[in-house]
Amino acid sequence: MKRSVSNFIVCLFIALLAIGGMPAPQASAVGEKTPVSINGQLSIKGTQLINQDGKAVQLKGISSHGLQWYGDFVNKDTLKWLRDDWGITVFRAAIYTADGGYIDNPSVKNKVKEAVEAAKELGIYVIIDWHILNDGNPNQNKEKAKEF
């Protein structure tokens, strides 16, 4: 359990670092405030997730299921609706390594890119989850994850 929590924190930190390097989102309406335009680059201070002003923030959002199976449901229109109607501030793009996922089918990476681009345009934070189930060893495809 501790290892799972540690792995999650490391993945979240890497995702936040990657998000920090993203260009500013393009608002779809003049003057529109988005989660990213409000909070900017996030970082960790102690046990808190903080925004660019040093204020603690709590993200709320949803996760996809395996993008290789249900990728059609992940697109800009859906993410915009989730942001505007449900108030999500973060989207977790889950990509499995096996079962038709990235290791078996590298073209699935394009769906992840599409989700990330849509989230960036909408000013939503995104976490890419390199998801494993079958092998139970998060280090088995470590080099492929780095390449990704």
N, C-alpha and C. Protein backbone atom coordinates (compact mmCIF):
# COMPACT_ATOMS: atom_id res chain seq x y z
N MET A 1 0.82 -1.19 0.00
CA MET A 1 0.00 0.00 0.00
C MET A 1 0.87 1.26 0.00
N LYS A 2 1.92 1.28 0.86
CA LYS A 2 2.80 2.44 0.90
C LYS A 2 3.47 2.65 -0.45
N ARG A 3 3.86 1.54 -1.10
CA ARG A 3 4.52 1.63 -2.41
C ARG A 3 3.55 2.21 -3.44
N SER A 4 2.27 1.81 -3.40
CA SER A 4 1.29 2.34 -4.33
C SER A 4 1.11 3.84 -4.14
N VAL A 5 1.02 4.27 -2.89
CA VAL A 5 0.86 5.69 -2.60
C VAL A 5 2.11 6.45 -3.06
N SER A 6 3.28 5.89 -2.78
CA SER A 6 4.53 6.53 -3.20
C SER A 6 4.60 6.63 -4.72
N ASN A 7 4.25 5.56 -5.41
CA ASN A 7 4.26 5.58 -6.88
C ASN A 7 3.28 6.61 -7.42
N PHE A 8 2.11 6.72 -6.80
CA PHE A 8 1.12 7.70 -7.24
C PHE A 8 1.67 9.11 -7.05
N ILE A 9 2.28 9.39 -5.92
CA ILE A 9 2.82 10.73 -5.65
C ILE A 9 3.91 11.07 -6.65
N VAL A 10 4.78 10.12 -6.94
CA VAL A 10 5.85 10.36 -7.92
C VAL A 10 5.24 10.65 -9.29
N CYS A 11 4.26 9.85 -9.71
CA CYS A 11 3.62 10.07 -11.02
C CYS A 11 2.92 11.43 -11.06
N LEU A 12 2.24 11.79 -9.97
CA LEU A 12 1.56 13.08 -9.91
C LEU A 12 2.58 14.21 -10.02
N PHE A 13 3.68 14.09 -9.29
CA PHE A 13 4.71 15.12 -9.33
C PHE A 13 5.27 15.28 -10.74
N ILE A 14 5.55 14.16 -11.42
CA ILE A 14 6.06 14.22 -12.79
C ILE A 14 5.04 14.88 -13.71
N ALA A 15 3.77 14.51 -13.55
CA ALA A 15 2.72 15.11 -14.37
C ALA A 15 2.63 16.61 -14.12
N LEU A 16 2.73 17.02 -12.86
CA LEU A 16 2.66 18.44 -12.54
C LEU A 16 3.85 19.20 -13.13
N LEU A 17 5.01 18.59 -13.10
CA LEU A 17 6.18 19.23 -13.71
C LEU A 17 5.97 19.39 -15.21
N ALA A 18 5.42 18.36 -15.84
CA ALA A 18 5.17 18.43 -17.28
C ALA A 18 4.13 19.50 -17.59
N ILE A 19 3.10 19.59 -16.77
CA ILE A 19 2.05 20.58 -16.99
C ILE A 19 2.61 21.99 -16.84
N GLY A 20 3.54 22.15 -15.92
CA GLY A 20 4.13 23.47 -15.69
C GLY A 20 4.82 24.03 -16.92
N GLY A 21 5.28 23.18 -17.80
CA GLY A 21 5.96 23.63 -19.01
C GLY A 21 5.03 23.88 -20.18
N MET A 22 3.73 23.71 -19.97
CA MET A 22 2.77 23.89 -21.05
C MET A 22 2.52 25.37 -21.30
N PRO A 23 2.25 25.74 -22.55
CA PRO A 23 1.90 27.13 -22.83
C PRO A 23 0.54 27.46 -22.23
N ALA A 24 0.28 28.73 -22.07
CA ALA A 24 -1.00 29.17 -21.50
C ALA A 24 -2.14 28.68 -22.38
N PRO A 25 -3.25 28.26 -21.76
CA PRO A 25 -4.39 27.77 -22.54
C PRO A 25 -5.07 28.90 -23.30
N GLN A 26 -5.72 28.53 -24.37
CA GLN A 26 -6.51 29.47 -25.14
C GLN A 26 -7.94 29.41 -24.64
N ALA A 27 -8.42 30.49 -24.05
CA ALA A 27 -9.79 30.52 -23.55
C ALA A 27 -10.75 30.49 -24.73
N SER A 28 -11.85 29.76 -24.58
CA SER A 28 -12.79 29.65 -25.68
C SER A 28 -13.76 30.83 -25.71
N ALA A 29 -13.79 31.61 -24.66
CA ALA A 29 -14.63 32.80 -24.63
C ALA A 29 -13.79 33.94 -24.03
N VAL A 30 -14.05 35.15 -24.49
CA VAL A 30 -13.28 36.29 -24.01
C VAL A 30 -13.46 36.43 -22.50
N GLY A 31 -12.34 36.52 -21.80
CA GLY A 31 -12.38 36.71 -20.35
C GLY A 31 -12.68 35.45 -19.56
N GLU A 32 -12.77 34.31 -20.22
CA GLU A 32 -13.09 33.07 -19.51
C GLU A 32 -11.95 32.68 -18.58
N LYS A 33 -12.29 32.33 -17.36
CA LYS A 33 -11.32 31.86 -16.38
C LYS A 33 -11.34 30.34 -16.39
N THR A 34 -10.16 29.75 -16.49
CA THR A 34 -10.04 28.30 -16.47
C THR A 34 -9.24 27.89 -15.25
N PRO A 35 -9.30 26.62 -14.86
CA PRO A 35 -8.51 26.18 -13.71
C PRO A 35 -7.02 26.53 -13.85
N VAL A 36 -6.46 26.35 -15.04
CA VAL A 36 -5.04 26.65 -15.23
C VAL A 36 -4.78 28.15 -15.22
N SER A 37 -5.67 28.95 -15.82
CA SER A 37 -5.45 30.40 -15.83
C SER A 37 -5.58 30.98 -14.42
N ILE A 38 -6.38 30.37 -13.59
CA ILE A 38 -6.56 30.84 -12.21
C ILE A 38 -5.39 30.42 -11.34
N ASN A 39 -4.96 29.16 -11.46
CA ASN A 39 -3.95 28.61 -10.54
C ASN A 39 -2.54 28.54 -11.09
N GLY A 40 -2.37 28.53 -12.40
CA GLY A 40 -1.04 28.46 -12.99
C GLY A 40 -0.33 27.16 -12.68
N GLN A 41 1.00 27.24 -12.63
CA GLN A 41 1.80 26.05 -12.36
C GLN A 41 1.61 25.63 -10.91
N LEU A 42 1.35 24.36 -10.72
CA LEU A 42 1.16 23.80 -9.38
C LEU A 42 2.47 23.21 -8.88
N SER A 43 2.58 23.15 -7.57
CA SER A 43 3.76 22.52 -6.96
C SER A 43 3.35 21.95 -5.61
N ILE A 44 4.28 21.25 -5.01
CA ILE A 44 4.05 20.63 -3.71
C ILE A 44 4.83 21.40 -2.66
N LYS A 45 4.17 21.73 -1.56
CA LYS A 45 4.83 22.36 -0.42
C LYS A 45 4.40 21.58 0.81
N GLY A 46 5.34 20.82 1.37
CA GLY A 46 4.99 19.95 2.49
C GLY A 46 4.02 18.89 2.01
N THR A 47 2.82 18.93 2.58
CA THR A 47 1.78 17.97 2.18
C THR A 47 0.70 18.62 1.32
N GLN A 48 0.92 19.85 0.91
CA GLN A 48 -0.10 20.60 0.18
C GLN A 48 0.25 20.76 -1.30
N LEU A 49 -0.77 20.70 -2.11
CA LEU A 49 -0.66 21.07 -3.52
C LEU A 49 -0.96 22.56 -3.55
N ILE A 50 -0.03 23.36 -4.07
CA ILE A 50 -0.23 24.81 -4.05
C ILE A 50 -0.19 25.38 -5.47
N ASN A 51 -0.83 26.54 -5.62
CA ASN A 51 -0.86 27.19 -6.93
C ASN A 51 0.30 28.17 -7.06
N GLN A 52 0.30 28.93 -8.14
CA GLN A 52 1.39 29.86 -8.42
C GLN A 52 1.52 30.96 -7.37
N ASP A 53 0.46 31.20 -6.60
CA ASP A 53 0.49 32.22 -5.56
C ASP A 53 0.79 31.64 -4.18
N GLY A 54 1.09 30.34 -4.13
CA GLY A 54 1.41 29.70 -2.86
C GLY A 54 0.19 29.30 -2.04
N LYS A 55 -0.99 29.38 -2.61
CA LYS A 55 -2.22 29.01 -1.91
C LYS A 55 -2.54 27.55 -2.17
N ALA A 56 -2.99 26.86 -1.12
CA ALA A 56 -3.36 25.45 -1.26
C ALA A 56 -4.56 25.32 -2.20
N VAL A 57 -4.50 24.33 -3.06
CA VAL A 57 -5.61 24.06 -3.98
C VAL A 57 -5.98 22.59 -3.91
N GLN A 58 -7.22 22.33 -4.23
CA GLN A 58 -7.69 20.95 -4.32
C GLN A 58 -8.28 20.78 -5.71
N LEU A 59 -7.74 19.85 -6.45
CA LEU A 59 -8.26 19.56 -7.78
C LEU A 59 -9.41 18.58 -7.67
N LYS A 60 -10.35 18.71 -8.58
CA LYS A 60 -11.42 17.70 -8.64
C LYS A 60 -11.64 17.34 -10.10
N GLY A 61 -11.87 16.07 -10.30
CA GLY A 61 -12.03 15.65 -11.67
C GLY A 61 -12.43 14.20 -11.78
N ILE A 62 -12.23 13.68 -12.97
CA ILE A 62 -12.60 12.30 -13.24
C ILE A 62 -11.46 11.61 -13.98
N SER A 63 -11.59 10.31 -14.07
CA SER A 63 -10.62 9.50 -14.79
C SER A 63 -11.31 8.84 -15.97
N SER A 64 -10.55 8.67 -17.01
CA SER A 64 -11.05 7.85 -18.11
C SER A 64 -10.89 6.40 -17.71
N HIS A 65 -11.49 5.55 -18.48
CA HIS A 65 -11.17 4.13 -18.40
C HIS A 65 -10.07 3.94 -19.43
N GLY A 66 -9.67 2.75 -19.71
CA GLY A 66 -8.60 2.53 -20.69
C GLY A 66 -8.91 3.21 -22.00
N LEU A 67 -8.06 4.15 -22.39
CA LEU A 67 -8.30 4.89 -23.62
C LEU A 67 -8.30 4.00 -24.85
N GLN A 68 -7.65 2.85 -24.77
CA GLN A 68 -7.64 1.96 -25.93
C GLN A 68 -9.01 1.32 -26.16
N TRP A 69 -9.85 1.29 -25.14
CA TRP A 69 -11.18 0.70 -25.28
C TRP A 69 -12.26 1.75 -25.48
N TYR A 70 -12.18 2.84 -24.73
CA TYR A 70 -13.26 3.84 -24.73
C TYR A 70 -12.75 5.23 -25.09
N GLY A 71 -11.78 5.28 -25.98
CA GLY A 71 -11.19 6.55 -26.37
C GLY A 71 -12.15 7.50 -27.07
N ASP A 72 -13.19 6.96 -27.69
CA ASP A 72 -14.15 7.82 -28.39
C ASP A 72 -14.85 8.80 -27.46
N PHE A 73 -14.90 8.48 -26.18
CA PHE A 73 -15.58 9.34 -25.22
C PHE A 73 -14.68 10.47 -24.71
N VAL A 74 -13.42 10.44 -25.09
CA VAL A 74 -12.47 11.45 -24.63
C VAL A 74 -12.15 12.36 -25.81
N ASN A 75 -12.73 13.56 -25.77
CA ASN A 75 -12.50 14.54 -26.83
C ASN A 75 -12.72 15.94 -26.25
N LYS A 76 -12.44 16.94 -27.02
CA LYS A 76 -12.54 18.32 -26.53
C LYS A 76 -13.96 18.67 -26.08
N ASP A 77 -14.96 18.26 -26.85
CA ASP A 77 -16.34 18.58 -26.48
C ASP A 77 -16.72 17.97 -25.13
N THR A 78 -16.34 16.72 -24.92
CA THR A 78 -16.65 16.05 -23.65
C THR A 78 -15.93 16.73 -22.50
N LEU A 79 -14.64 17.01 -22.68
CA LEU A 79 -13.88 17.66 -21.60
C LEU A 79 -14.42 19.05 -21.31
N LYS A 80 -14.82 19.78 -22.34
CA LYS A 80 -15.41 21.11 -22.11
C LYS A 80 -16.69 20.99 -21.31
N TRP A 81 -17.53 20.04 -21.67
CA TRP A 81 -18.77 19.84 -20.94
C TRP A 81 -18.49 19.47 -19.48
N LEU A 82 -17.53 18.57 -19.26
CA LEU A 82 -17.19 18.18 -17.89
C LEU A 82 -16.64 19.37 -17.10
N ARG A 83 -15.85 20.21 -17.74
CA ARG A 83 -15.33 21.40 -17.07
C ARG A 83 -16.46 22.36 -16.73
N ASP A 84 -17.32 22.65 -17.71
CA ASP A 84 -18.36 23.66 -17.53
C ASP A 84 -19.55 23.18 -16.71
N ASP A 85 -19.94 21.91 -16.87
CA ASP A 85 -21.12 21.40 -16.19
C ASP A 85 -20.79 20.76 -14.84
N TRP A 86 -19.77 19.95 -14.79
CA TRP A 86 -19.40 19.25 -13.55
C TRP A 86 -18.36 20.01 -12.74
N GLY A 87 -17.70 20.97 -13.37
CA GLY A 87 -16.69 21.75 -12.66
C GLY A 87 -15.37 21.04 -12.46
N ILE A 88 -15.01 20.12 -13.37
CA ILE A 88 -13.73 19.44 -13.17
C ILE A 88 -12.58 20.42 -13.40
N THR A 89 -11.49 20.18 -12.68
CA THR A 89 -10.28 20.98 -12.86
C THR A 89 -9.13 20.10 -13.33
N VAL A 90 -9.30 18.78 -13.29
CA VAL A 90 -8.26 17.85 -13.69
C VAL A 90 -8.90 16.63 -14.36
N PHE A 91 -8.21 16.11 -15.35
CA PHE A 91 -8.66 14.90 -16.03
C PHE A 91 -7.53 13.89 -16.02
N ARG A 92 -7.83 12.67 -15.64
CA ARG A 92 -6.84 11.59 -15.60
C ARG A 92 -7.03 10.72 -16.84
N ALA A 93 -6.02 10.72 -17.70
CA ALA A 93 -6.04 9.92 -18.92
C ALA A 93 -5.35 8.59 -18.63
N ALA A 94 -6.13 7.54 -18.46
CA ALA A 94 -5.59 6.22 -18.12
C ALA A 94 -5.29 5.44 -19.40
N ILE A 95 -4.04 5.04 -19.53
CA ILE A 95 -3.63 4.23 -20.67
C ILE A 95 -2.99 2.96 -20.13
N TYR A 96 -3.60 1.85 -20.46
CA TYR A 96 -3.07 0.56 -20.00
C TYR A 96 -1.86 0.18 -20.85
N THR A 97 -0.96 -0.58 -20.26
CA THR A 97 0.21 -1.02 -21.01
C THR A 97 -0.11 -2.25 -21.85
N ALA A 98 -0.92 -3.15 -21.34
CA ALA A 98 -1.26 -4.40 -22.03
C ALA A 98 -2.71 -4.35 -22.50
N ASP A 99 -3.22 -5.49 -22.93
CA ASP A 99 -4.62 -5.61 -23.34
C ASP A 99 -5.01 -4.59 -24.40
N GLY A 100 -4.16 -4.45 -25.40
CA GLY A 100 -4.44 -3.49 -26.47
C GLY A 100 -3.96 -2.09 -26.16
N GLY A 101 -3.26 -1.93 -25.05
CA GLY A 101 -2.74 -0.63 -24.65
C GLY A 101 -1.44 -0.28 -25.34
N TYR A 102 -0.71 0.66 -24.75
CA TYR A 102 0.44 1.25 -25.41
C TYR A 102 1.55 0.25 -25.77
N ILE A 103 1.85 -0.71 -24.91
CA ILE A 103 2.90 -1.67 -25.22
C ILE A 103 2.48 -2.56 -26.38
N ASP A 104 1.22 -3.00 -26.36
CA ASP A 104 0.70 -3.85 -27.43
C ASP A 104 0.39 -3.06 -28.70
N ASN A 105 -0.02 -1.81 -28.54
CA ASN A 105 -0.49 -1.00 -29.67
C ASN A 105 -0.02 0.45 -29.48
N PRO A 106 1.19 0.77 -29.89
CA PRO A 106 1.74 2.12 -29.67
C PRO A 106 0.89 3.25 -30.25
N SER A 107 0.01 2.97 -31.20
CA SER A 107 -0.82 4.03 -31.77
C SER A 107 -1.80 4.61 -30.76
N VAL A 108 -2.03 3.90 -29.65
CA VAL A 108 -2.93 4.41 -28.60
C VAL A 108 -2.38 5.72 -28.04
N LYS A 109 -1.09 5.93 -28.18
CA LYS A 109 -0.47 7.17 -27.70
C LYS A 109 -1.14 8.39 -28.33
N ASN A 110 -1.64 8.26 -29.55
CA ASN A 110 -2.29 9.38 -30.22
C ASN A 110 -3.54 9.83 -29.48
N LYS A 111 -4.26 8.90 -28.88
CA LYS A 111 -5.46 9.27 -28.12
C LYS A 111 -5.06 10.04 -26.86
N VAL A 112 -3.96 9.65 -26.24
CA VAL A 112 -3.47 10.38 -25.07
C VAL A 112 -3.09 11.79 -25.47
N LYS A 113 -2.39 11.92 -26.59
CA LYS A 113 -2.00 13.25 -27.08
C LYS A 113 -3.23 14.11 -27.34
N GLU A 114 -4.25 13.51 -27.94
CA GLU A 114 -5.49 14.24 -28.21
C GLU A 114 -6.13 14.73 -26.91
N ALA A 115 -6.17 13.88 -25.90
CA ALA A 115 -6.74 14.26 -24.61
C ALA A 115 -5.93 15.38 -23.97
N VAL A 116 -4.61 15.29 -24.02
CA VAL A 116 -3.75 16.32 -23.44
C VAL A 116 -3.93 17.65 -24.17
N GLU A 117 -3.97 17.62 -25.49
CA GLU A 117 -4.16 18.86 -26.26
C GLU A 117 -5.50 19.51 -25.94
N ALA A 118 -6.55 18.70 -25.85
CA ALA A 118 -7.88 19.24 -25.52
C ALA A 118 -7.87 19.86 -24.13
N ALA A 119 -7.27 19.17 -23.17
CA ALA A 119 -7.20 19.69 -21.80
C ALA A 119 -6.41 20.99 -21.75
N LYS A 120 -5.31 21.06 -22.48
CA LYS A 120 -4.51 22.29 -22.52
C LYS A 120 -5.33 23.45 -23.08
N GLU A 121 -6.03 23.20 -24.19
CA GLU A 121 -6.84 24.25 -24.81
C GLU A 121 -7.95 24.74 -23.88
N LEU A 122 -8.46 23.84 -23.05
CA LEU A 122 -9.56 24.17 -22.15
C LEU A 122 -9.09 24.64 -20.78
N GLY A 123 -7.78 24.63 -20.55
CA GLY A 123 -7.26 25.08 -19.26
C GLY A 123 -7.54 24.12 -18.12
N ILE A 124 -7.53 22.83 -18.43
CA ILE A 124 -7.76 21.78 -17.43
C ILE A 124 -6.44 21.07 -17.21
N TYR A 125 -6.12 20.79 -15.96
CA TYR A 125 -4.93 19.99 -15.66
C TYR A 125 -5.18 18.55 -16.12
N VAL A 126 -4.13 17.85 -16.46
CA VAL A 126 -4.27 16.47 -16.92
C VAL A 126 -3.17 15.62 -16.30
N ILE A 127 -3.55 14.43 -15.89
CA ILE A 127 -2.61 13.44 -15.38
C ILE A 127 -2.63 12.26 -16.34
N ILE A 128 -1.46 11.90 -16.83
CA ILE A 128 -1.37 10.72 -17.69
C ILE A 128 -1.02 9.54 -16.80
N ASP A 129 -1.90 8.57 -16.76
CA ASP A 129 -1.71 7.39 -15.92
C ASP A 129 -1.25 6.23 -16.79
N TRP A 130 0.02 5.88 -16.67
CA TRP A 130 0.61 4.72 -17.35
C TRP A 130 0.17 3.54 -16.50
N HIS A 131 -0.95 2.95 -16.83
CA HIS A 131 -1.66 2.04 -15.94
C HIS A 131 -1.26 0.58 -16.17
N ILE A 132 -1.01 -0.12 -15.08
CA ILE A 132 -0.70 -1.55 -15.17
C ILE A 132 -1.66 -2.34 -14.31
N LEU A 133 -1.98 -3.51 -14.73
CA LEU A 133 -2.80 -4.42 -13.94
C LEU A 133 -2.21 -5.82 -13.96
N ASN A 134 -1.98 -6.33 -15.15
CA ASN A 134 -1.63 -7.74 -15.31
C ASN A 134 -0.30 -8.14 -14.71
N ASP A 135 0.77 -7.38 -15.00
CA ASP A 135 2.08 -7.82 -14.55
C ASP A 135 2.34 -7.48 -13.09
N GLY A 136 1.65 -6.49 -12.54
CA GLY A 136 1.81 -6.14 -11.13
C GLY A 136 3.17 -5.55 -10.79
N ASN A 137 3.99 -5.27 -11.78
CA ASN A 137 5.32 -4.74 -11.54
C ASN A 137 5.45 -3.40 -12.27
N PRO A 138 5.40 -2.28 -11.55
CA PRO A 138 5.46 -0.98 -12.22
C PRO A 138 6.78 -0.70 -12.92
N ASN A 139 7.80 -1.48 -12.64
CA ASN A 139 9.10 -1.26 -13.29
C ASN A 139 9.30 -2.10 -14.55
N GLN A 140 8.37 -3.00 -14.84
CA GLN A 140 8.53 -3.90 -15.98
C GLN A 140 8.72 -3.14 -17.30
N ASN A 141 7.97 -2.09 -17.50
CA ASN A 141 8.04 -1.31 -18.75
C ASN A 141 8.59 0.09 -18.51
N LYS A 142 9.48 0.22 -17.54
CA LYS A 142 10.00 1.52 -17.14
C LYS A 142 10.65 2.27 -18.31
N GLU A 143 11.45 1.59 -19.09
CA GLU A 143 12.13 2.26 -20.21
C GLU A 143 11.12 2.73 -21.26
N LYS A 144 10.09 1.93 -21.51
CA LYS A 144 9.06 2.34 -22.47
C LYS A 144 8.29 3.55 -21.94
N ALA A 145 8.07 3.59 -20.63
CA ALA A 145 7.40 4.74 -20.02
C ALA A 145 8.23 6.00 -20.20
N LYS A 146 9.53 5.89 -20.03
CA LYS A 146 10.41 7.05 -20.21
C LYS A 146 10.37 7.53 -21.66
N GLU A 147 10.36 6.59 -22.60
CA GLU A 147 10.28 6.95 -24.01
C GLU A 147 8.97 7.67 -24.32
N PHE A 148 7.90 7.20 -23.70
CA PHE A 148 6.58 7.76 -23.93
C PHE A 148 6.56 9.23 -23.58
